[in-house]
Amino acid sequence: MYYCGWSSRRSYGASSYLVVRPQGNVLIDSPRYNHPLSQAITARGGLAAMVLSHRDDVADHKRWAQVFDCPRWIHHADRDAAPGAEHCPGGHDPVWLQKDLQLIPTPGHTAGSMVAVLGTGGQDAPQVLFSGDHLWWDPRDQRLGRDLQRYCWWSWPEQVRSLAKLQHLNVGWLLPGHGDRHCFAPGEWRRHLKALLAAVEDGSPQAS
């Protein structure tokens, strides 16, 4: 996995990531298009797919798709932010993009927010969670960020329900679009998510 850099103002400076895989490389959210990054991606095998976690972080998706002839995935509810996207799954059920790479709808921040999960989640195989703007790490308080409601543009109750959908995961790395990334020790992910849910479900997302 690689952090792409080259963040775009049109995506509010959001982070994007390149996942290099034998099944074909995947770009998670769109950076600003530029030739040096395009060359680096080409050197690593190009792109087989692009995942757009939600409408805010699409940046130069159309240019990347044209250059690498790769299909784009965005939830049906946010499809108007990426006209021409080739795959627009709807509903609330997870979708498998590749073996061991699934997209989980997490509406709340926007109606079509999705997270991408890489890995099986077995005891010895922690997963990577690409969380978009759904959640992030707070390095100051060493916990999952609790000011989520401040940046929720669509439905806060839905976002809380979407957080609860991630309790079954075994996350080793959290890689968000905004905020800090974090590496979790075994068992820490569920403990931190449980604490976050306890703080937000009473309507006090910034509780200490």
C-alpha atoms as a PDB file:
ATOM      1  CA  MET A   1       0.000   0.000   0.000  1.00  0.00           C
ATOM      2  CA  TYR A   2       1.165   3.509  -0.821  1.00  0.00           C
ATOM      3  CA  TYR A   3       0.029   6.953   0.244  1.00  0.00           C
ATOM      4  CA  CYS A   4      -0.364   8.885  -2.995  1.00  0.00           C
ATOM      5  CA  GLY A   5       0.071  12.487  -1.839  1.00  0.00           C
ATOM      6  CA  TRP A   6      -0.832  15.137  -4.429  1.00  0.00           C
ATOM      7  CA  SER A   7      -4.040  15.968  -2.565  1.00  0.00           C
ATOM      8  CA  SER A   8      -6.594  18.051  -4.415  1.00  0.00           C
ATOM      9  CA  ARG A   9      -8.313  21.222  -3.250  1.00  0.00           C
ATOM     10  CA  ARG A  10     -11.439  19.861  -4.883  1.00  0.00           C
ATOM     11  CA  SER A  11     -11.314  16.991  -2.378  1.00  0.00           C
ATOM     12  CA  TYR A  12     -10.559  19.329   0.546  1.00  0.00           C
ATOM     13  CA  GLY A  13      -7.030  17.937   0.706  1.00  0.00           C
ATOM     14  CA  ALA A  14      -8.166  14.352   1.248  1.00  0.00           C
ATOM     15  CA  SER A  15      -5.680  11.485   1.271  1.00  0.00           C
ATOM     16  CA  SER A  16      -5.722   8.760  -1.353  1.00  0.00           C
ATOM     17  CA  TYR A  17      -4.027   5.365  -1.410  1.00  0.00           C
ATOM     18  CA  LEU A  18      -2.715   2.895  -3.970  1.00  0.00           C
ATOM     19  CA  VAL A  19      -3.200  -0.799  -3.181  1.00  0.00           C
ATOM     20  CA  VAL A  20      -0.851  -2.966  -5.243  1.00  0.00           C
ATOM     21  CA  ARG A  21      -2.306  -6.463  -5.761  1.00  0.00           C
ATOM     22  CA  PRO A  22      -1.731  -9.496  -8.005  1.00  0.00           C
ATOM     23  CA  GLN A  23      -5.416  -9.253  -9.005  1.00  0.00           C
ATOM     24  CA  GLY A  24      -4.884  -5.679 -10.204  1.00  0.00           C
ATOM     25  CA  ASN A  25      -4.036  -2.432  -8.440  1.00  0.00           C
ATOM     26  CA  VAL A  26      -6.752  -0.312  -6.844  1.00  0.00           C
ATOM     27  CA  LEU A  27      -6.745   3.431  -6.238  1.00  0.00           C
ATOM     28  CA  ILE A  28      -8.709   4.417  -3.133  1.00  0.00           C
ATOM     29  CA  ASP A  29     -10.118   7.919  -3.708  1.00  0.00           C
ATOM     30  CA  SER A  30      -8.652  10.300  -6.220  1.00  0.00           C
ATOM     31  CA  PRO A  31      -5.569  12.483  -5.880  1.00  0.00           C
ATOM     32  CA  ARG A  32      -4.855  15.444  -8.115  1.00  0.00           C
ATOM     33  CA  TYR A  33      -3.784  14.247 -11.538  1.00  0.00           C
ATOM     34  CA  ASN A  34      -0.091  14.742 -12.258  1.00  0.00           C
ATOM     35  CA  HIS A  35       2.515  13.099 -14.451  1.00  0.00           C
ATOM     36  CA  PRO A  36       5.034  11.990 -11.765  1.00  0.00           C
ATOM     37  CA  LEU A  37       2.367  10.118  -9.814  1.00  0.00           C
ATOM     38  CA  SER A  38       0.958   8.654 -13.020  1.00  0.00           C
ATOM     39  CA  GLN A  39       4.435   7.356 -13.907  1.00  0.00           C
ATOM     40  CA  ALA A  40       4.865   5.853 -10.439  1.00  0.00           C
ATOM     41  CA  ILE A  41       1.517   4.043 -10.699  1.00  0.00           C
ATOM     42  CA  THR A  42       2.396   2.815 -14.180  1.00  0.00           C
ATOM     43  CA  ALA A  43       5.699   1.442 -12.881  1.00  0.00           C
ATOM     44  CA  ARG A  44       3.753  -0.554 -10.284  1.00  0.00           C
ATOM     45  CA  GLY A  45       1.377  -2.095 -12.791  1.00  0.00           C
ATOM     46  CA  GLY A  46      -1.232   0.583 -13.525  1.00  0.00           C
ATOM     47  CA  LEU A  47      -4.791   0.525 -12.219  1.00  0.00           C
ATOM     48  CA  ALA A  48      -7.486  -2.138 -12.430  1.00  0.00           C
ATOM     49  CA  ALA A  49     -10.083  -0.149 -10.476  1.00  0.00           C
ATOM     50  CA  MET A  50     -10.725   3.076  -8.608  1.00  0.00           C
ATOM     51  CA  VAL A  51     -12.871   3.310  -5.463  1.00  0.00           C
ATOM     52  CA  LEU A  52     -14.490   6.645  -4.630  1.00  0.00           C
ATOM     53  CA  SER A  53     -15.522   6.484  -0.985  1.00  0.00           C
ATOM     54  CA  HIS A  54     -18.026   9.335  -1.321  1.00  0.00           C
ATOM     55  CA  ARG A  55     -18.859  12.461  -3.268  1.00  0.00           C
ATOM     56  CA  ASP A  56     -16.341  14.773  -1.559  1.00  0.00           C
ATOM     57  CA  ASP A  57     -13.139  12.975  -2.562  1.00  0.00           C
ATOM     58  CA  VAL A  58     -13.511  12.383  -6.308  1.00  0.00           C
ATOM     59  CA  ALA A  59     -10.983  15.057  -7.436  1.00  0.00           C
ATOM     60  CA  ASP A  60      -9.580  14.175 -10.897  1.00  0.00           C
ATOM     61  CA  HIS A  61     -11.201  10.737 -11.069  1.00  0.00           C
ATOM     62  CA  LYS A  62     -12.213  11.162 -14.703  1.00  0.00           C
ATOM     63  CA  ARG A  63      -8.640  11.877 -15.839  1.00  0.00           C
ATOM     64  CA  TRP A  64      -7.215   8.923 -13.910  1.00  0.00           C
ATOM     65  CA  ALA A  65      -9.882   6.625 -15.350  1.00  0.00           C
ATOM     66  CA  GLN A  66      -9.120   7.795 -18.878  1.00  0.00           C
ATOM     67  CA  VAL A  67      -5.348   7.412 -18.532  1.00  0.00           C
ATOM     68  CA  PHE A  68      -5.498   3.916 -17.027  1.00  0.00           C
ATOM     69  CA  ASP A  69      -8.754   2.736 -18.612  1.00  0.00           C
ATOM     70  CA  CYS A  70      -9.958   1.578 -15.210  1.00  0.00           C
ATOM     71  CA  PRO A  71     -13.548   1.309 -13.950  1.00  0.00           C
ATOM     72  CA  ARG A  72     -14.715   3.503 -11.087  1.00  0.00           C
ATOM     73  CA  TRP A  73     -16.812   2.385  -8.120  1.00  0.00           C
ATOM     74  CA  ILE A  74     -19.037   4.827  -6.230  1.00  0.00           C
ATOM     75  CA  HIS A  75     -22.253   4.222  -4.318  1.00  0.00           C
ATOM     76  CA  HIS A  76     -25.467   4.861  -6.225  1.00  0.00           C
ATOM     77  CA  ALA A  77     -26.521   7.572  -3.748  1.00  0.00           C
ATOM     78  CA  ASP A  78     -23.428   9.670  -4.590  1.00  0.00           C
ATOM     79  CA  ARG A  79     -23.215   8.766  -8.278  1.00  0.00           C
ATOM     80  CA  ASP A  80     -23.965  12.319  -9.461  1.00  0.00           C
ATOM     81  CA  ALA A  81     -20.529  13.359  -8.135  1.00  0.00           C
ATOM     82  CA  ALA A  82     -18.840  11.028 -10.628  1.00  0.00           C
ATOM     83  CA  PRO A  83     -20.914  11.022 -13.825  1.00  0.00           C
ATOM     84  CA  GLY A  84     -19.989   8.099 -15.988  1.00  0.00           C
ATOM     85  CA  ALA A  85     -18.758   5.884 -13.144  1.00  0.00           C
ATOM     86  CA  GLU A  86     -18.925   2.298 -14.330  1.00  0.00           C
ATOM     87  CA  HIS A  87     -20.072   0.625 -11.094  1.00  0.00           C
ATOM     88  CA  CYS A  88     -22.646   2.196  -8.746  1.00  0.00           C
ATOM     89  CA  PRO A  89     -23.804  -0.400  -6.212  1.00  0.00           C
ATOM     90  CA  GLY A  90     -26.869   0.540  -4.202  1.00  0.00           C
ATOM     91  CA  GLY A  91     -28.379  -0.526  -0.932  1.00  0.00           C
ATOM     92  CA  HIS A  92     -26.613  -1.378   2.312  1.00  0.00           C
ATOM     93  CA  ASP A  93     -25.023  -4.767   1.639  1.00  0.00           C
ATOM     94  CA  PRO A  94     -21.246  -5.186   1.231  1.00  0.00           C
ATOM     95  CA  VAL A  95     -19.909  -5.615  -2.285  1.00  0.00           C
ATOM     96  CA  TRP A  96     -16.802  -7.624  -3.166  1.00  0.00           C
ATOM     97  CA  LEU A  97     -14.622  -5.744  -5.622  1.00  0.00           C
ATOM     98  CA  GLN A  98     -11.863  -8.368  -5.593  1.00  0.00           C
ATOM     99  CA  LYS A  99     -11.006 -11.371  -3.466  1.00  0.00           C
ATOM    100  CA  ASP A 100     -10.328 -10.050   0.061  1.00  0.00           C
ATOM    101  CA  LEU A 101     -11.338  -6.493  -0.912  1.00  0.00           C
ATOM    102  CA  GLN A 102     -14.863  -5.442  -0.046  1.00  0.00           C
ATOM    103  CA  LEU A 103     -16.816  -2.202  -0.059  1.00  0.00           C
ATOM    104  CA  ILE A 104     -19.181  -1.594   2.860  1.00  0.00           C
ATOM    105  CA  PRO A 105     -21.843   1.131   2.545  1.00  0.00           C
ATOM    106  CA  THR A 106     -21.604   3.453   5.554  1.00  0.00           C
ATOM    107  CA  PRO A 107     -24.163   6.232   4.942  1.00  0.00           C
ATOM    108  CA  GLY A 108     -24.050   9.221   7.236  1.00  0.00           C
ATOM    109  CA  HIS A 109     -21.330  11.673   6.267  1.00  0.00           C
ATOM    110  CA  THR A 110     -22.973  11.551   2.843  1.00  0.00           C
ATOM    111  CA  ALA A 111     -25.815   9.370   1.623  1.00  0.00           C
ATOM    112  CA  GLY A 112     -23.412   7.288  -0.450  1.00  0.00           C
ATOM    113  CA  SER A 113     -20.402   6.990   1.839  1.00  0.00           C
ATOM    114  CA  MET A 114     -18.561   3.667   1.663  1.00  0.00           C
ATOM    115  CA  VAL A 115     -15.483   2.217   3.325  1.00  0.00           C
ATOM    116  CA  ALA A 116     -13.103  -0.259   1.699  1.00  0.00           C
ATOM    117  CA  VAL A 117     -11.799  -3.230   3.695  1.00  0.00           C
ATOM    118  CA  LEU A 118      -8.725  -5.185   2.639  1.00  0.00           C
ATOM    119  CA  GLY A 119      -8.038  -8.588   4.148  1.00  0.00           C
ATOM    120  CA  THR A 120      -9.899 -11.520   5.644  1.00  0.00           C
ATOM    121  CA  GLY A 121      -9.877 -10.410   9.261  1.00  0.00           C
ATOM    122  CA  GLY A 122      -8.709 -13.740  10.619  1.00  0.00           C
ATOM    123  CA  GLN A 123      -6.932 -13.899  13.968  1.00  0.00           C
ATOM    124  CA  ASP A 124      -3.542 -13.634  12.312  1.00  0.00           C
ATOM    125  CA  ALA A 125      -4.681 -11.528   9.353  1.00  0.00           C
ATOM    126  CA  PRO A 126      -5.732  -8.046  10.501  1.00  0.00           C
ATOM    127  CA  GLN A 127      -7.536  -5.907   7.966  1.00  0.00           C
ATOM    128  CA  VAL A 128      -6.854  -2.505   6.472  1.00  0.00           C
ATOM    129  CA  LEU A 129      -9.800  -0.115   6.703  1.00  0.00           C
ATOM    130  CA  PHE A 130      -9.901   2.741   4.198  1.00  0.00           C
ATOM    131  CA  SER A 131     -12.474   4.865   5.973  1.00  0.00           C
ATOM    132  CA  GLY A 132     -12.897   7.910   3.748  1.00  0.00           C
ATOM    133  CA  ASP A 133     -14.550  10.603   5.865  1.00  0.00           C
ATOM    134  CA  HIS A 134     -16.477   8.088   7.979  1.00  0.00           C
ATOM    135  CA  LEU A 135     -14.029   8.031  10.914  1.00  0.00           C
ATOM    136  CA  TRP A 136     -10.401   8.756  11.778  1.00  0.00           C
ATOM    137  CA  TRP A 137      -7.831   8.659  14.579  1.00  0.00           C
ATOM    138  CA  ASP A 138      -7.345  11.429  17.141  1.00  0.00           C
ATOM    139  CA  PRO A 139      -3.614  11.426  18.042  1.00  0.00           C
ATOM    140  CA  ARG A 140      -4.005  13.975  20.825  1.00  0.00           C
ATOM    141  CA  ASP A 141      -6.412  11.850  22.876  1.00  0.00           C
ATOM    142  CA  GLN A 142      -5.193   8.514  21.437  1.00  0.00           C
ATOM    143  CA  ARG A 143      -8.627   7.329  20.406  1.00  0.00           C
ATOM    144  CA  LEU A 144     -10.973   7.299  17.434  1.00  0.00           C
ATOM    145  CA  GLY A 145     -12.042  10.860  16.691  1.00  0.00           C
ATOM    146  CA  ARG A 146     -15.280  11.854  18.391  1.00  0.00           C
ATOM    147  CA  ASP A 147     -16.058  15.088  16.572  1.00  0.00           C
ATOM    148  CA  LEU A 148     -17.692  13.192  13.701  1.00  0.00           C
ATOM    149  CA  GLN A 149     -21.007  15.013  13.927  1.00  0.00           C
ATOM    150  CA  ARG A 150     -19.296  18.315  13.134  1.00  0.00           C
ATOM    151  CA  TYR A 151     -18.434  16.976   9.686  1.00  0.00           C
ATOM    152  CA  CYS A 152     -21.601  14.976   9.024  1.00  0.00           C
ATOM    153  CA  TRP A 153     -23.353  16.529   6.022  1.00  0.00           C
ATOM    154  CA  TRP A 154     -26.261  14.122   5.544  1.00  0.00           C
ATOM    155  CA  SER A 155     -27.553  12.113   8.548  1.00  0.00           C
ATOM    156  CA  TRP A 156     -25.988  11.776  11.967  1.00  0.00           C
ATOM    157  CA  PRO A 157     -28.283   8.923  13.151  1.00  0.00           C
ATOM    158  CA  GLU A 158     -27.373   6.989   9.985  1.00  0.00           C
ATOM    159  CA  GLN A 159     -23.674   7.585  10.575  1.00  0.00           C
ATOM    160  CA  VAL A 160     -23.927   6.180  14.101  1.00  0.00           C
ATOM    161  CA  ARG A 161     -25.673   3.088  12.727  1.00  0.00           C
ATOM    162  CA  SER A 162     -22.949   2.792  10.101  1.00  0.00           C
ATOM    163  CA  LEU A 163     -20.244   2.861  12.763  1.00  0.00           C
ATOM    164  CA  ALA A 164     -21.904  -0.074  14.485  1.00  0.00           C
ATOM    165  CA  LYS A 165     -21.712  -2.073  11.236  1.00  0.00           C
ATOM    166  CA  LEU A 166     -17.903  -2.178  11.553  1.00  0.00           C
ATOM    167  CA  GLN A 167     -17.741  -3.931  14.925  1.00  0.00           C
ATOM    168  CA  HIS A 168     -17.130  -7.350  13.354  1.00  0.00           C
ATOM    169  CA  LEU A 169     -13.936  -6.215  11.635  1.00  0.00           C
ATOM    170  CA  ASN A 170     -10.425  -7.004  12.820  1.00  0.00           C
ATOM    171  CA  VAL A 171      -8.693  -3.768  11.816  1.00  0.00           C
ATOM    172  CA  GLY A 172      -4.926  -3.533  11.974  1.00  0.00           C
ATOM    173  CA  TRP A 173      -4.571  -0.281  10.033  1.00  0.00           C
ATOM    174  CA  LEU A 174      -7.016   2.619   9.774  1.00  0.00           C
ATOM    175  CA  LEU A 175      -6.330   4.798   6.729  1.00  0.00           C
ATOM    176  CA  PRO A 176      -8.775   7.735   6.528  1.00  0.00           C
ATOM    177  CA  GLY A 177      -9.328  10.397   3.917  1.00  0.00           C
ATOM    178  CA  HIS A 178      -9.003  13.105   6.567  1.00  0.00           C
ATOM    179  CA  GLY A 179      -7.444  12.949  10.008  1.00  0.00           C
ATOM    180  CA  ASP A 180      -4.683  10.684  11.242  1.00  0.00           C
ATOM    181  CA  ARG A 181      -4.031   7.077  10.280  1.00  0.00           C
ATOM    182  CA  HIS A 182      -3.342   4.529  13.005  1.00  0.00           C
ATOM    183  CA  CYS A 183      -2.014   1.017  13.555  1.00  0.00           C
ATOM    184  CA  PHE A 184      -3.976  -1.069  16.092  1.00  0.00           C
ATOM    185  CA  ALA A 185      -2.544  -3.819  18.244  1.00  0.00           C
ATOM    186  CA  PRO A 186      -4.536  -7.082  18.352  1.00  0.00           C
ATOM    187  CA  GLY A 187      -7.915  -6.483  20.001  1.00  0.00           C
ATOM    188  CA  GLU A 188      -7.569  -2.694  20.126  1.00  0.00           C
ATOM    189  CA  TRP A 189      -9.849  -1.910  17.200  1.00  0.00           C
ATOM    190  CA  ARG A 190     -12.994  -3.331  18.778  1.00  0.00           C
ATOM    191  CA  ARG A 191     -12.203  -1.756  22.128  1.00  0.00           C
ATOM    192  CA  HIS A 192     -11.752   1.678  20.593  1.00  0.00           C
ATOM    193  CA  LEU A 193     -14.837   1.382  18.382  1.00  0.00           C
ATOM    194  CA  LYS A 194     -16.929   0.247  21.354  1.00  0.00           C
ATOM    195  CA  ALA A 195     -15.755   3.329  23.295  1.00  0.00           C
ATOM    196  CA  LEU A 196     -16.593   5.593  20.353  1.00  0.00           C
ATOM    197  CA  LEU A 197     -20.077   4.129  20.020  1.00  0.00           C
ATOM    198  CA  ALA A 198     -20.694   4.555  23.732  1.00  0.00           C
ATOM    199  CA  ALA A 199     -19.746   8.238  23.409  1.00  0.00           C
ATOM    200  CA  VAL A 200     -21.824   9.024  20.325  1.00  0.00           C
ATOM    201  CA  GLU A 201     -24.950   6.956  20.850  1.00  0.00           C
ATOM    202  CA  ASP A 202     -26.079   9.197  23.703  1.00  0.00           C
ATOM    203  CA  GLY A 203     -25.920  12.201  21.384  1.00  0.00           C
ATOM    204  CA  SER A 204     -22.684  13.565  22.845  1.00  0.00           C
ATOM    205  CA  PRO A 205     -20.061  12.882  20.140  1.00  0.00           C
ATOM    206  CA  GLN A 206     -17.457  15.066  21.817  1.00  0.00           C
ATOM    207  CA  ALA A 207     -17.813  13.439  25.237  1.00  0.00           C
ATOM    208  CA  SER A 208     -14.546  12.696  26.975  1.00  0.00           C
END
